[in-house]
Amino acid sequence: MATKSKHRKRIARLRINPIECDGIGMCSHVAPDLITVDRWGFPVLPSDPIEPGDLRQARAAVAVCPRRALFLDSPQPD
């Protein structure tokens, strides 16, 4: 019987350029499982890398950002 690994494969991190972000909040609408907004509308991103199952939402959030302030960054090797 194979045991499940405690560590899931993580493939990327969501990052934000806070200078470019206008706090419009569109990213949180297309990726509600990943991104919340603070009381001013600026995104609050997960600190952990994105799991493969959430990559589609993360890419959609990056694509919808009107200021191109949101991007995906590869995680550093362990």
PDB file of N, CA and C in Angstrom:
ATOM      1  N   MET A   1       0.842  -1.179   0.000  1.00  0.00           N
ATOM      2  CA  MET A   1       0.000   0.000   0.000  1.00  0.00           C
ATOM      3  C   MET A   1       0.889   1.245   0.000  1.00  0.00           C
ATOM      4  N   ALA A   2       0.678   2.098  -0.943  1.00  0.00           N
ATOM      5  CA  ALA A   2       1.468   3.325  -1.054  1.00  0.00           C
ATOM      6  C   ALA A   2       0.921   4.375  -0.102  1.00  0.00           C
ATOM      7  N   THR A   3       1.820   5.130   0.501  1.00  0.00           N
ATOM      8  CA  THR A   3       1.386   6.204   1.389  1.00  0.00           C
ATOM      9  C   THR A   3       1.404   7.515   0.626  1.00  0.00           C
ATOM     10  N   LYS A   4       0.497   8.403   1.004  1.00  0.00           N
ATOM     11  CA  LYS A   4       0.446   9.717   0.368  1.00  0.00           C
ATOM     12  C   LYS A   4       1.548  10.599   0.934  1.00  0.00           C
ATOM     13  N   SER A   5       2.143  11.353   0.073  1.00  0.00           N
ATOM     14  CA  SER A   5       3.183  12.282   0.492  1.00  0.00           C
ATOM     15  C   SER A   5       2.553  13.433   1.264  1.00  0.00           C
ATOM     16  N   LYS A   6       3.228  13.881   2.305  1.00  0.00           N
ATOM     17  CA  LYS A   6       2.747  15.030   3.065  1.00  0.00           C
ATOM     18  C   LYS A   6       2.924  16.323   2.281  1.00  0.00           C
ATOM     19  N   HIS A   7       3.841  16.290   1.329  1.00  0.00           N
ATOM     20  CA  HIS A   7       4.132  17.493   0.562  1.00  0.00           C
ATOM     21  C   HIS A   7       3.513  17.389  -0.831  1.00  0.00           C
ATOM     22  N   ARG A   8       2.598  18.299  -1.112  1.00  0.00           N
ATOM     23  CA  ARG A   8       2.017  18.352  -2.457  1.00  0.00           C
ATOM     24  C   ARG A   8       2.937  19.164  -3.346  1.00  0.00           C
ATOM     25  N   LYS A   9       2.871  18.873  -4.618  1.00  0.00           N
ATOM     26  CA  LYS A   9       3.696  19.610  -5.569  1.00  0.00           C
ATOM     27  C   LYS A   9       3.149  21.023  -5.718  1.00  0.00           C
ATOM     28  N   ARG A  10       4.005  21.989  -5.524  1.00  0.00           N
ATOM     29  CA  ARG A  10       3.649  23.398  -5.673  1.00  0.00           C
ATOM     30  C   ARG A  10       4.419  23.923  -6.872  1.00  0.00           C
ATOM     31  N   ILE A  11       3.746  24.688  -7.705  1.00  0.00           N
ATOM     32  CA  ILE A  11       4.393  25.031  -8.961  1.00  0.00           C
ATOM     33  C   ILE A  11       4.658  26.514  -9.180  1.00  0.00           C
ATOM     34  N   ALA A  12       3.986  27.389  -8.474  1.00  0.00           N
ATOM     35  CA  ALA A  12       4.194  28.824  -8.691  1.00  0.00           C
ATOM     36  C   ALA A  12       3.635  29.604  -7.508  1.00  0.00           C
ATOM     37  N   ARG A  13       4.028  30.850  -7.426  1.00  0.00           N
ATOM     38  CA  ARG A  13       3.479  31.762  -6.413  1.00  0.00           C
ATOM     39  C   ARG A  13       2.844  32.951  -7.121  1.00  0.00           C
ATOM     40  N   LEU A  14       1.755  33.414  -6.561  1.00  0.00           N
ATOM     41  CA  LEU A  14       1.170  34.666  -7.033  1.00  0.00           C
ATOM     42  C   LEU A  14       1.939  35.805  -6.385  1.00  0.00           C
ATOM     43  N   ARG A  15       2.310  36.781  -7.171  1.00  0.00           N
ATOM     44  CA  ARG A  15       3.031  37.958  -6.679  1.00  0.00           C
ATOM     45  C   ARG A  15       2.321  39.208  -7.184  1.00  0.00           C
ATOM     46  N   ILE A  16       2.546  40.295  -6.482  1.00  0.00           N
ATOM     47  CA  ILE A  16       1.937  41.562  -6.869  1.00  0.00           C
ATOM     48  C   ILE A  16       2.989  42.656  -6.860  1.00  0.00           C
ATOM     49  N   ASN A  17       2.891  43.549  -7.814  1.00  0.00           N
ATOM     50  CA  ASN A  17       3.689  44.762  -7.796  1.00  0.00           C
ATOM     51  C   ASN A  17       2.789  45.813  -7.149  1.00  0.00           C
ATOM     52  N   PRO A  18       3.007  46.133  -5.874  1.00  0.00           N
ATOM     53  CA  PRO A  18       2.087  47.036  -5.174  1.00  0.00           C
ATOM     54  C   PRO A  18       2.078  48.457  -5.722  1.00  0.00           C
ATOM     55  N   ILE A  19       3.130  48.840  -6.410  1.00  0.00           N
ATOM     56  CA  ILE A  19       3.175  50.182  -6.993  1.00  0.00           C
ATOM     57  C   ILE A  19       2.236  50.268  -8.194  1.00  0.00           C
ATOM     58  N   GLU A  20       2.144  49.188  -8.962  1.00  0.00           N
ATOM     59  CA  GLU A  20       1.288  49.171 -10.152  1.00  0.00           C
ATOM     60  C   GLU A  20      -0.188  48.921  -9.824  1.00  0.00           C
ATOM     61  N   CYS A  21      -0.465  48.246  -8.720  1.00  0.00           N
ATOM     62  CA  CYS A  21      -1.842  47.854  -8.379  1.00  0.00           C
ATOM     63  C   CYS A  21      -2.669  49.073  -7.979  1.00  0.00           C
ATOM     64  N   ASP A  22      -3.873  49.174  -8.574  1.00  0.00           N
ATOM     65  CA  ASP A  22      -4.809  50.242  -8.238  1.00  0.00           C
ATOM     66  C   ASP A  22      -5.927  49.774  -7.307  1.00  0.00           C
ATOM     67  N   GLY A  23      -5.892  48.520  -6.894  1.00  0.00           N
ATOM     68  CA  GLY A  23      -6.907  48.013  -5.979  1.00  0.00           C
ATOM     69  C   GLY A  23      -8.277  47.874  -6.598  1.00  0.00           C
ATOM     70  N   ILE A  24      -8.338  47.560  -7.863  1.00  0.00           N
ATOM     71  CA  ILE A  24      -9.614  47.413  -8.562  1.00  0.00           C
ATOM     72  C   ILE A  24     -10.340  46.159  -8.091  1.00  0.00           C
ATOM     73  N   GLY A  25      -9.595  45.077  -7.816  1.00  0.00           N
ATOM     74  CA  GLY A  25     -10.170  43.869  -7.223  1.00  0.00           C
ATOM     75  C   GLY A  25     -10.701  42.839  -8.186  1.00  0.00           C
ATOM     76  N   MET A  26     -10.484  43.023  -9.480  1.00  0.00           N
ATOM     77  CA  MET A  26     -10.982  42.049 -10.451  1.00  0.00           C
ATOM     78  C   MET A  26     -10.365  40.672 -10.227  1.00  0.00           C
ATOM     79  N   CYS A  27      -9.121  40.639  -9.777  1.00  0.00           N
ATOM     80  CA  CYS A  27      -8.428  39.364  -9.550  1.00  0.00           C
ATOM     81  C   CYS A  27      -9.165  38.506  -8.526  1.00  0.00           C
ATOM     82  N   SER A  28      -9.722  39.128  -7.504  1.00  0.00           N
ATOM     83  CA  SER A  28     -10.420  38.360  -6.468  1.00  0.00           C
ATOM     84  C   SER A  28     -11.744  37.791  -6.968  1.00  0.00           C
ATOM     85  N   HIS A  29     -12.294  38.378  -8.004  1.00  0.00           N
ATOM     86  CA  HIS A  29     -13.545  37.869  -8.564  1.00  0.00           C
ATOM     87  C   HIS A  29     -13.327  36.617  -9.413  1.00  0.00           C
ATOM     88  N   VAL A  30     -12.187  36.549 -10.092  1.00  0.00           N
ATOM     89  CA  VAL A  30     -11.930  35.383 -10.942  1.00  0.00           C
ATOM     90  C   VAL A  30     -11.153  34.291 -10.207  1.00  0.00           C
ATOM     91  N   ALA A  31     -10.565  34.617  -9.054  1.00  0.00           N
ATOM     92  CA  ALA A  31      -9.827  33.626  -8.264  1.00  0.00           C
ATOM     93  C   ALA A  31     -10.205  33.744  -6.784  1.00  0.00           C
ATOM     94  N   PRO A  32     -11.495  33.558  -6.470  1.00  0.00           N
ATOM     95  CA  PRO A  32     -11.940  33.758  -5.084  1.00  0.00           C
ATOM     96  C   PRO A  32     -11.360  32.748  -4.092  1.00  0.00           C
ATOM     97  N   ASP A  33     -10.909  31.603  -4.570  1.00  0.00           N
ATOM     98  CA  ASP A  33     -10.306  30.617  -3.675  1.00  0.00           C
ATOM     99  C   ASP A  33      -8.870  30.978  -3.311  1.00  0.00           C
ATOM    100  N   LEU A  34      -8.283  31.907  -4.040  1.00  0.00           N
ATOM    101  CA  LEU A  34      -6.876  32.260  -3.835  1.00  0.00           C
ATOM    102  C   LEU A  34      -6.670  33.676  -3.319  1.00  0.00           C
ATOM    103  N   ILE A  35      -7.496  34.601  -3.774  1.00  0.00           N
ATOM    104  CA  ILE A  35      -7.256  36.015  -3.501  1.00  0.00           C
ATOM    105  C   ILE A  35      -8.430  36.632  -2.765  1.00  0.00           C
ATOM    106  N   THR A  36      -8.121  37.318  -1.686  1.00  0.00           N
ATOM    107  CA  THR A  36      -9.112  38.137  -0.992  1.00  0.00           C
ATOM    108  C   THR A  36      -8.659  39.590  -1.151  1.00  0.00           C
ATOM    109  N   VAL A  37      -9.496  40.513  -0.750  1.00  0.00           N
ATOM    110  CA  VAL A  37      -9.120  41.921  -0.812  1.00  0.00           C
ATOM    111  C   VAL A  37      -9.220  42.532   0.580  1.00  0.00           C
ATOM    112  N   ASP A  38      -8.374  43.533   0.806  1.00  0.00           N
ATOM    113  CA  ASP A  38      -8.444  44.235   2.080  1.00  0.00           C
ATOM    114  C   ASP A  38      -9.574  45.270   2.010  1.00  0.00           C
ATOM    115  N   ARG A  39      -9.723  46.048   3.033  1.00  0.00           N
ATOM    116  CA  ARG A  39     -10.863  46.975   3.065  1.00  0.00           C
ATOM    117  C   ARG A  39     -10.767  48.101   2.045  1.00  0.00           C
ATOM    118  N   TRP A  40      -9.608  48.282   1.438  1.00  0.00           N
ATOM    119  CA  TRP A  40      -9.440  49.296   0.398  1.00  0.00           C
ATOM    120  C   TRP A  40      -9.506  48.703  -0.998  1.00  0.00           C
ATOM    121  N   GLY A  41      -9.690  47.385  -1.096  1.00  0.00           N
ATOM    122  CA  GLY A  41      -9.810  46.733  -2.391  1.00  0.00           C
ATOM    123  C   GLY A  41      -8.525  46.155  -2.953  1.00  0.00           C
ATOM    124  N   PHE A  42      -7.437  46.252  -2.194  1.00  0.00           N
ATOM    125  CA  PHE A  42      -6.166  45.713  -2.668  1.00  0.00           C
ATOM    126  C   PHE A  42      -6.084  44.218  -2.373  1.00  0.00           C
ATOM    127  N   PRO A  43      -5.485  43.453  -3.275  1.00  0.00           N
ATOM    128  CA  PRO A  43      -5.450  41.999  -3.104  1.00  0.00           C
ATOM    129  C   PRO A  43      -4.565  41.541  -1.947  1.00  0.00           C
ATOM    130  N   VAL A  44      -5.038  40.490  -1.297  1.00  0.00           N
ATOM    131  CA  VAL A  44      -4.266  39.792  -0.276  1.00  0.00           C
ATOM    132  C   VAL A  44      -4.010  38.413  -0.857  1.00  0.00           C
ATOM    133  N   LEU A  45      -2.750  38.119  -1.118  1.00  0.00           N
ATOM    134  CA  LEU A  45      -2.368  36.894  -1.813  1.00  0.00           C
ATOM    135  C   LEU A  45      -1.933  35.812  -0.833  1.00  0.00           C
ATOM    136  N   PRO A  46      -2.077  34.549  -1.246  1.00  0.00           N
ATOM    137  CA  PRO A  46      -1.588  33.462  -0.389  1.00  0.00           C
ATOM    138  C   PRO A  46      -0.065  33.508  -0.291  1.00  0.00           C
ATOM    139  N   SER A  47       0.445  33.195   0.888  1.00  0.00           N
ATOM    140  CA  SER A  47       1.900  33.202   1.052  1.00  0.00           C
ATOM    141  C   SER A  47       2.534  31.907   0.550  1.00  0.00           C
ATOM    142  N   ASP A  48       1.746  30.860   0.482  1.00  0.00           N
ATOM    143  CA  ASP A  48       2.256  29.573   0.004  1.00  0.00           C
ATOM    144  C   ASP A  48       2.187  29.491  -1.516  1.00  0.00           C
ATOM    145  N   PRO A  49       3.024  28.651  -2.106  1.00  0.00           N
ATOM    146  CA  PRO A  49       2.923  28.433  -3.559  1.00  0.00           C
ATOM    147  C   PRO A  49       1.559  27.864  -3.940  1.00  0.00           C
ATOM    148  N   ILE A  50       1.188  28.096  -5.171  1.00  0.00           N
ATOM    149  CA  ILE A  50      -0.086  27.629  -5.712  1.00  0.00           C
ATOM    150  C   ILE A  50       0.007  26.133  -6.004  1.00  0.00           C
ATOM    151  N   GLU A  51      -1.022  25.406  -5.650  1.00  0.00           N
ATOM    152  CA  GLU A  51      -1.079  23.986  -5.976  1.00  0.00           C
ATOM    153  C   GLU A  51      -1.559  23.829  -7.422  1.00  0.00           C
ATOM    154  N   PRO A  52      -1.214  22.717  -8.066  1.00  0.00           N
ATOM    155  CA  PRO A  52      -1.598  22.525  -9.472  1.00  0.00           C
ATOM    156  C   PRO A  52      -3.099  22.705  -9.730  1.00  0.00           C
ATOM    157  N   GLY A  53      -3.939  22.293  -8.809  1.00  0.00           N
ATOM    158  CA  GLY A  53      -5.375  22.415  -8.992  1.00  0.00           C
ATOM    159  C   GLY A  53      -5.884  23.851  -8.985  1.00  0.00           C
ATOM    160  N   ASP A  54      -5.093  24.767  -8.445  1.00  0.00           N
ATOM    161  CA  ASP A  54      -5.481  26.178  -8.383  1.00  0.00           C
ATOM    162  C   ASP A  54      -4.813  27.029  -9.451  1.00  0.00           C
ATOM    163  N   LEU A  55      -4.010  26.413 -10.277  1.00  0.00           N
ATOM    164  CA  LEU A  55      -3.256  27.167 -11.275  1.00  0.00           C
ATOM    165  C   LEU A  55      -4.165  27.861 -12.288  1.00  0.00           C
ATOM    166  N   ARG A  56      -5.258  27.228 -12.640  1.00  0.00           N
ATOM    167  CA  ARG A  56      -6.173  27.831 -13.615  1.00  0.00           C
ATOM    168  C   ARG A  56      -6.737  29.157 -13.092  1.00  0.00           C
ATOM    169  N   GLN A  57      -7.153  29.160 -11.822  1.00  0.00           N
ATOM    170  CA  GLN A  57      -7.660  30.398 -11.225  1.00  0.00           C
ATOM    171  C   GLN A  57      -6.566  31.452 -11.142  1.00  0.00           C
ATOM    172  N   ALA A  58      -5.364  31.038 -10.781  1.00  0.00           N
ATOM    173  CA  ALA A  58      -4.250  31.984 -10.672  1.00  0.00           C
ATOM    174  C   ALA A  58      -3.946  32.623 -12.022  1.00  0.00           C
ATOM    175  N   ARG A  59      -3.920  31.824 -13.063  1.00  0.00           N
ATOM    176  CA  ARG A  59      -3.658  32.371 -14.407  1.00  0.00           C
ATOM    177  C   ARG A  59      -4.772  33.314 -14.845  1.00  0.00           C
ATOM    178  N   ALA A  60      -6.008  32.994 -14.504  1.00  0.00           N
ATOM    179  CA  ALA A  60      -7.131  33.865 -14.857  1.00  0.00           C
ATOM    180  C   ALA A  60      -7.009  35.204 -14.141  1.00  0.00           C
ATOM    181  N   ALA A  61      -6.591  35.177 -12.886  1.00  0.00           N
ATOM    182  CA  ALA A  61      -6.417  36.412 -12.129  1.00  0.00           C
ATOM    183  C   ALA A  61      -5.322  37.284 -12.747  1.00  0.00           C
ATOM    184  N   VAL A  62      -4.226  36.659 -13.139  1.00  0.00           N
ATOM    185  CA  VAL A  62      -3.131  37.390 -13.786  1.00  0.00           C
ATOM    186  C   VAL A  62      -3.629  38.009 -15.095  1.00  0.00           C
ATOM    187  N   ALA A  63      -4.366  37.252 -15.866  1.00  0.00           N
ATOM    188  CA  ALA A  63      -4.837  37.724 -17.171  1.00  0.00           C
ATOM    189  C   ALA A  63      -5.829  38.878 -17.069  1.00  0.00           C
ATOM    190  N   VAL A  64      -6.618  38.914 -16.015  1.00  0.00           N
ATOM    191  CA  VAL A  64      -7.667  39.921 -15.903  1.00  0.00           C
ATOM    192  C   VAL A  64      -7.176  41.233 -15.273  1.00  0.00           C
ATOM    193  N   CYS A  65      -6.001  41.245 -14.700  1.00  0.00           N
ATOM    194  CA  CYS A  65      -5.489  42.453 -14.039  1.00  0.00           C
ATOM    195  C   CYS A  65      -5.285  43.583 -15.062  1.00  0.00           C
ATOM    196  N   PRO A  66      -6.046  44.671 -14.941  1.00  0.00           N
ATOM    197  CA  PRO A  66      -5.933  45.742 -15.937  1.00  0.00           C
ATOM    198  C   PRO A  66      -4.611  46.507 -15.876  1.00  0.00           C
ATOM    199  N   ARG A  67      -3.943  46.488 -14.733  1.00  0.00           N
ATOM    200  CA  ARG A  67      -2.672  47.194 -14.581  1.00  0.00           C
ATOM    201  C   ARG A  67      -1.460  46.270 -14.747  1.00  0.00           C
ATOM    202  N   ARG A  68      -1.719  44.975 -14.975  1.00  0.00           N
ATOM    203  CA  ARG A  68      -0.651  43.972 -15.112  1.00  0.00           C
ATOM    204  C   ARG A  68       0.261  43.966 -13.882  1.00  0.00           C
ATOM    205  N   ALA A  69      -0.359  44.166 -12.716  1.00  0.00           N
ATOM    206  CA  ALA A  69       0.390  44.204 -11.462  1.00  0.00           C
ATOM    207  C   ALA A  69       0.545  42.823 -10.840  1.00  0.00           C
ATOM    208  N   LEU A  70      -0.241  41.882 -11.285  1.00  0.00           N
ATOM    209  CA  LEU A  70      -0.241  40.535 -10.725  1.00  0.00           C
ATOM    210  C   LEU A  70       0.514  39.611 -11.668  1.00  0.00           C
ATOM    211  N   PHE A  71       1.330  38.725 -11.105  1.00  0.00           N
ATOM    212  CA  PHE A  71       2.074  37.787 -11.943  1.00  0.00           C
ATOM    213  C   PHE A  71       2.361  36.501 -11.183  1.00  0.00           C
ATOM    214  N   LEU A  72       2.713  35.465 -11.923  1.00  0.00           N
ATOM    215  CA  LEU A  72       3.098  34.176 -11.345  1.00  0.00           C
ATOM    216  C   LEU A  72       4.610  34.075 -11.349  1.00  0.00           C
ATOM    217  N   ASP A  73       5.145  33.603 -10.248  1.00  0.00           N
ATOM    218  CA  ASP A  73       6.588  33.456 -10.076  1.00  0.00           C
ATOM    219  C   ASP A  73       6.873  32.014  -9.696  1.00  0.00           C
ATOM    220  N   SER A  74       7.871  31.403 -10.295  1.00  0.00           N
ATOM    221  CA  SER A  74       8.238  30.024  -9.966  1.00  0.00           C
ATOM    222  C   SER A  74       8.814  29.970  -8.560  1.00  0.00           C
ATOM    223  N   PRO A  75       8.473  28.912  -7.806  1.00  0.00           N
ATOM    224  CA  PRO A  75       9.027  28.794  -6.453  1.00  0.00           C
ATOM    225  C   PRO A  75      10.520  28.461  -6.486  1.00  0.00           C
ATOM    226  N   GLN A  76      11.199  28.825  -5.430  1.00  0.00           N
ATOM    227  CA  GLN A  76      12.618  28.508  -5.317  1.00  0.00           C
ATOM    228  C   GLN A  76      12.774  27.035  -4.979  1.00  0.00           C
ATOM    229  N   PRO A  77      13.792  26.375  -5.516  1.00  0.00           N
ATOM    230  CA  PRO A  77      13.999  24.959  -5.202  1.00  0.00           C
ATOM    231  C   PRO A  77      14.332  24.784  -3.730  1.00  0.00           C
ATOM    232  N   ASP A  78      13.908  23.629  -3.190  1.00  0.00           N
ATOM    233  CA  ASP A  78      14.180  23.330  -1.775  1.00  0.00           C
ATOM    234  C   ASP A  78      15.615  22.957  -1.543  1.00  0.00           C
TER     235      ASP A  78
END
